[in-house]
C-alpha atoms as a PDB file:
ATOM      1  CA  MET A   1     100.465  96.766 111.452  1.00  0.00           C
ATOM      2  CA  SER A   2     100.692 100.418 110.542  1.00  0.00           C
ATOM      3  CA  GLY A   3      99.247 101.899 107.414  1.00  0.00           C
ATOM      4  CA  THR A   4     102.283 101.460 105.396  1.00  0.00           C
ATOM      5  CA  ASN A   5     103.520  98.158 103.808  1.00  0.00           C
ATOM      6  CA  SER A   6     107.109  97.055 103.045  1.00  0.00           C
ATOM      7  CA  VAL A   7     108.087  96.547  99.430  1.00  0.00           C
ATOM      8  CA  PRO A   8     108.569  92.690 100.026  1.00  0.00           C
ATOM      9  CA  ASP A   9     105.063  92.621 101.544  1.00  0.00           C
ATOM     10  CA  LEU A  10     103.575  94.462  98.545  1.00  0.00           C
ATOM     11  CA  ALA A  11     105.485  92.334  96.162  1.00  0.00           C
ATOM     12  CA  ALA A  12     104.308  89.106  97.840  1.00  0.00           C
ATOM     13  CA  ALA A  13     100.668  90.305  97.948  1.00  0.00           C
ATOM     14  CA  LEU A  14     100.656  91.246  94.293  1.00  0.00           C
ATOM     15  CA  ALA A  15     102.482  88.206  93.139  1.00  0.00           C
ATOM     16  CA  ALA A  16      99.775  85.990  94.986  1.00  0.00           C
ATOM     17  CA  PHE A  17      97.056  88.103  93.350  1.00  0.00           C
ATOM     18  CA  ILE A  18      98.647  87.668  89.900  1.00  0.00           C
ATOM     19  CA  THR A  19      99.022  83.918  90.452  1.00  0.00           C
ATOM     20  CA  ALA A  20      95.374  83.597  91.508  1.00  0.00           C
ATOM     21  CA  ILE A  21      94.237  85.633  88.286  1.00  0.00           C
ATOM     22  CA  ARG A  22      96.394  83.324  86.098  1.00  0.00           C
ATOM     23  CA  ASN A  23      94.809  80.328  87.758  1.00  0.00           C
ATOM     24  CA  GLY A  24      91.391  81.600  86.979  1.00  0.00           C
ATOM     25  CA  GLN A  25      90.427  82.336  90.679  1.00  0.00           C
ATOM     26  CA  GLY A  26      88.019  85.137  91.398  1.00  0.00           C
ATOM     27  CA  VAL A  27      90.210  87.104  93.840  1.00  0.00           C
ATOM     28  CA  PRO A  28      89.008  90.610  94.898  1.00  0.00           C
ATOM     29  CA  ASN A  29      91.799  93.204  94.759  1.00  0.00           C
ATOM     30  CA  PRO A  30      92.928  93.548  98.448  1.00  0.00           C
ATOM     31  CA  GLU A  31      93.617  97.209  97.953  1.00  0.00           C
ATOM     32  CA  PRO A  32      91.976  98.736  94.798  1.00  0.00           C
ATOM     33  CA  GLY A  33      93.875 101.495  93.218  1.00  0.00           C
ATOM     34  CA  MET A  34      97.054 101.045  95.465  1.00  0.00           C
ATOM     35  CA  LEU A  35      99.933 102.978  93.628  1.00  0.00           C
ATOM     36  CA  LEU A  36     103.198 101.139  93.232  1.00  0.00           C
ATOM     37  CA  THR A  37     106.511 102.633  91.968  1.00  0.00           C
ATOM     38  CA  VAL A  38     107.886 101.120  88.861  1.00  0.00           C
ATOM     39  CA  THR A  39     110.615  99.259  90.979  1.00  0.00           C
ATOM     40  CA  GLU A  40     107.822  97.785  93.120  1.00  0.00           C
ATOM     41  CA  ALA A  41     105.742  96.776  90.232  1.00  0.00           C
ATOM     42  CA  ALA A  42     108.634  95.241  88.373  1.00  0.00           C
ATOM     43  CA  ALA A  43     109.515  93.266  91.517  1.00  0.00           C
ATOM     44  CA  ALA A  44     105.978  92.000  91.862  1.00  0.00           C
ATOM     45  CA  LEU A  45     105.774  90.893  88.116  1.00  0.00           C
ATOM     46  CA  ARG A  46     109.361  89.699  88.241  1.00  0.00           C
ATOM     47  CA  CYS A  47     110.318  91.704  85.228  1.00  0.00           C
ATOM     48  CA  SER A  48     112.679  94.566  84.565  1.00  0.00           C
ATOM     49  CA  ARG A  49     111.975  98.186  85.131  1.00  0.00           C
ATOM     50  CA  SER A  50     112.886  98.856  81.490  1.00  0.00           C
ATOM     51  CA  PHE A  51     110.187  96.396  80.454  1.00  0.00           C
ATOM     52  CA  LEU A  52     107.577  98.362  82.488  1.00  0.00           C
ATOM     53  CA  TYR A  53     108.684 101.657  81.181  1.00  0.00           C
ATOM     54  CA  ALA A  54     108.309 100.278  77.621  1.00  0.00           C
ATOM     55  CA  ARG A  55     104.817  99.034  78.369  1.00  0.00           C
ATOM     56  CA  ILE A  56     103.936 102.536  79.873  1.00  0.00           C
ATOM     57  CA  GLN A  57     105.336 104.281  76.814  1.00  0.00           C
ATOM     58  CA  SER A  58     103.355 101.877  74.450  1.00  0.00           C
ATOM     59  CA  GLY A  59     100.141 102.405  76.444  1.00  0.00           C
ATOM     60  CA  ASP A  60      99.780  98.790  77.560  1.00  0.00           C
ATOM     61  CA  ILE A  61     100.119  99.749  81.159  1.00  0.00           C
ATOM     62  CA  SER A  62      98.647 103.037  82.386  1.00  0.00           C
ATOM     63  CA  ALA A  63     100.620 105.082  84.887  1.00  0.00           C
ATOM     64  CA  VAL A  64     100.328 108.328  86.919  1.00  0.00           C
ATOM     65  CA  LYS A  65     103.126 110.757  86.657  1.00  0.00           C
ATOM     66  CA  LEU A  66     103.912 112.672  89.865  1.00  0.00           C
ATOM     67  CA  GLY A  67     106.817 114.992  89.369  1.00  0.00           C
ATOM     68  CA  ARG A  68     109.512 112.774  87.787  1.00  0.00           C
ATOM     69  CA  ARG A  69     108.032 109.568  89.260  1.00  0.00           C
ATOM     70  CA  ARG A  70     105.733 107.175  87.477  1.00  0.00           C
ATOM     71  CA  LEU A  71     103.210 105.254  89.649  1.00  0.00           C
ATOM     72  CA  ILE A  72     101.260 102.282  88.525  1.00  0.00           C
ATOM     73  CA  SER A  73      98.000 101.213  90.216  1.00  0.00           C
ATOM     74  CA  THR A  74      97.464  97.529  91.174  1.00  0.00           C
ATOM     75  CA  ASP A  75      94.341  97.745  89.023  1.00  0.00           C
ATOM     76  CA  ALA A  76      96.447  98.634  86.001  1.00  0.00           C
ATOM     77  CA  LEU A  77      98.722  95.803  86.616  1.00  0.00           C
ATOM     78  CA  ARG A  78      95.945  93.265  87.011  1.00  0.00           C
ATOM     79  CA  GLU A  79      94.400  94.517  83.784  1.00  0.00           C
ATOM     80  CA  PHE A  80      97.712  94.129  82.003  1.00  0.00           C
ATOM     81  CA  VAL A  81      98.036  90.615  83.272  1.00  0.00           C
ATOM     82  CA  GLU A  82      94.595  89.794  82.315  1.00  0.00           C
ATOM     83  CA  ARG A  83      95.078  90.977  78.803  1.00  0.00           C
ATOM     84  CA  SER A  84      98.494  89.218  78.640  1.00  0.00           C
ATOM     85  CA  THR A  85      97.387  85.833  79.717  1.00  0.00           C
ATOM     86  CA  VAL A  86      97.022  83.267  76.996  1.00  0.00           C
END
């Protein structure tokens, strides 16, 4: 496998990671700090892009701005899910 992952692979890996967190399993982040586009992060969380943009605007999710793009680290998504889990 080359150094790049497809969007479905990233989404599946992040979805499995989030499920493990929700189930209370101690799972290490497979790729700490990997940056995802808002579209990739939304697909992984199964939410809309507008929901993520609103969470970024409110400060609930931290993002990096590169040019016109916003990138969200897998660490930031994990932290958001952990804080949001009831």
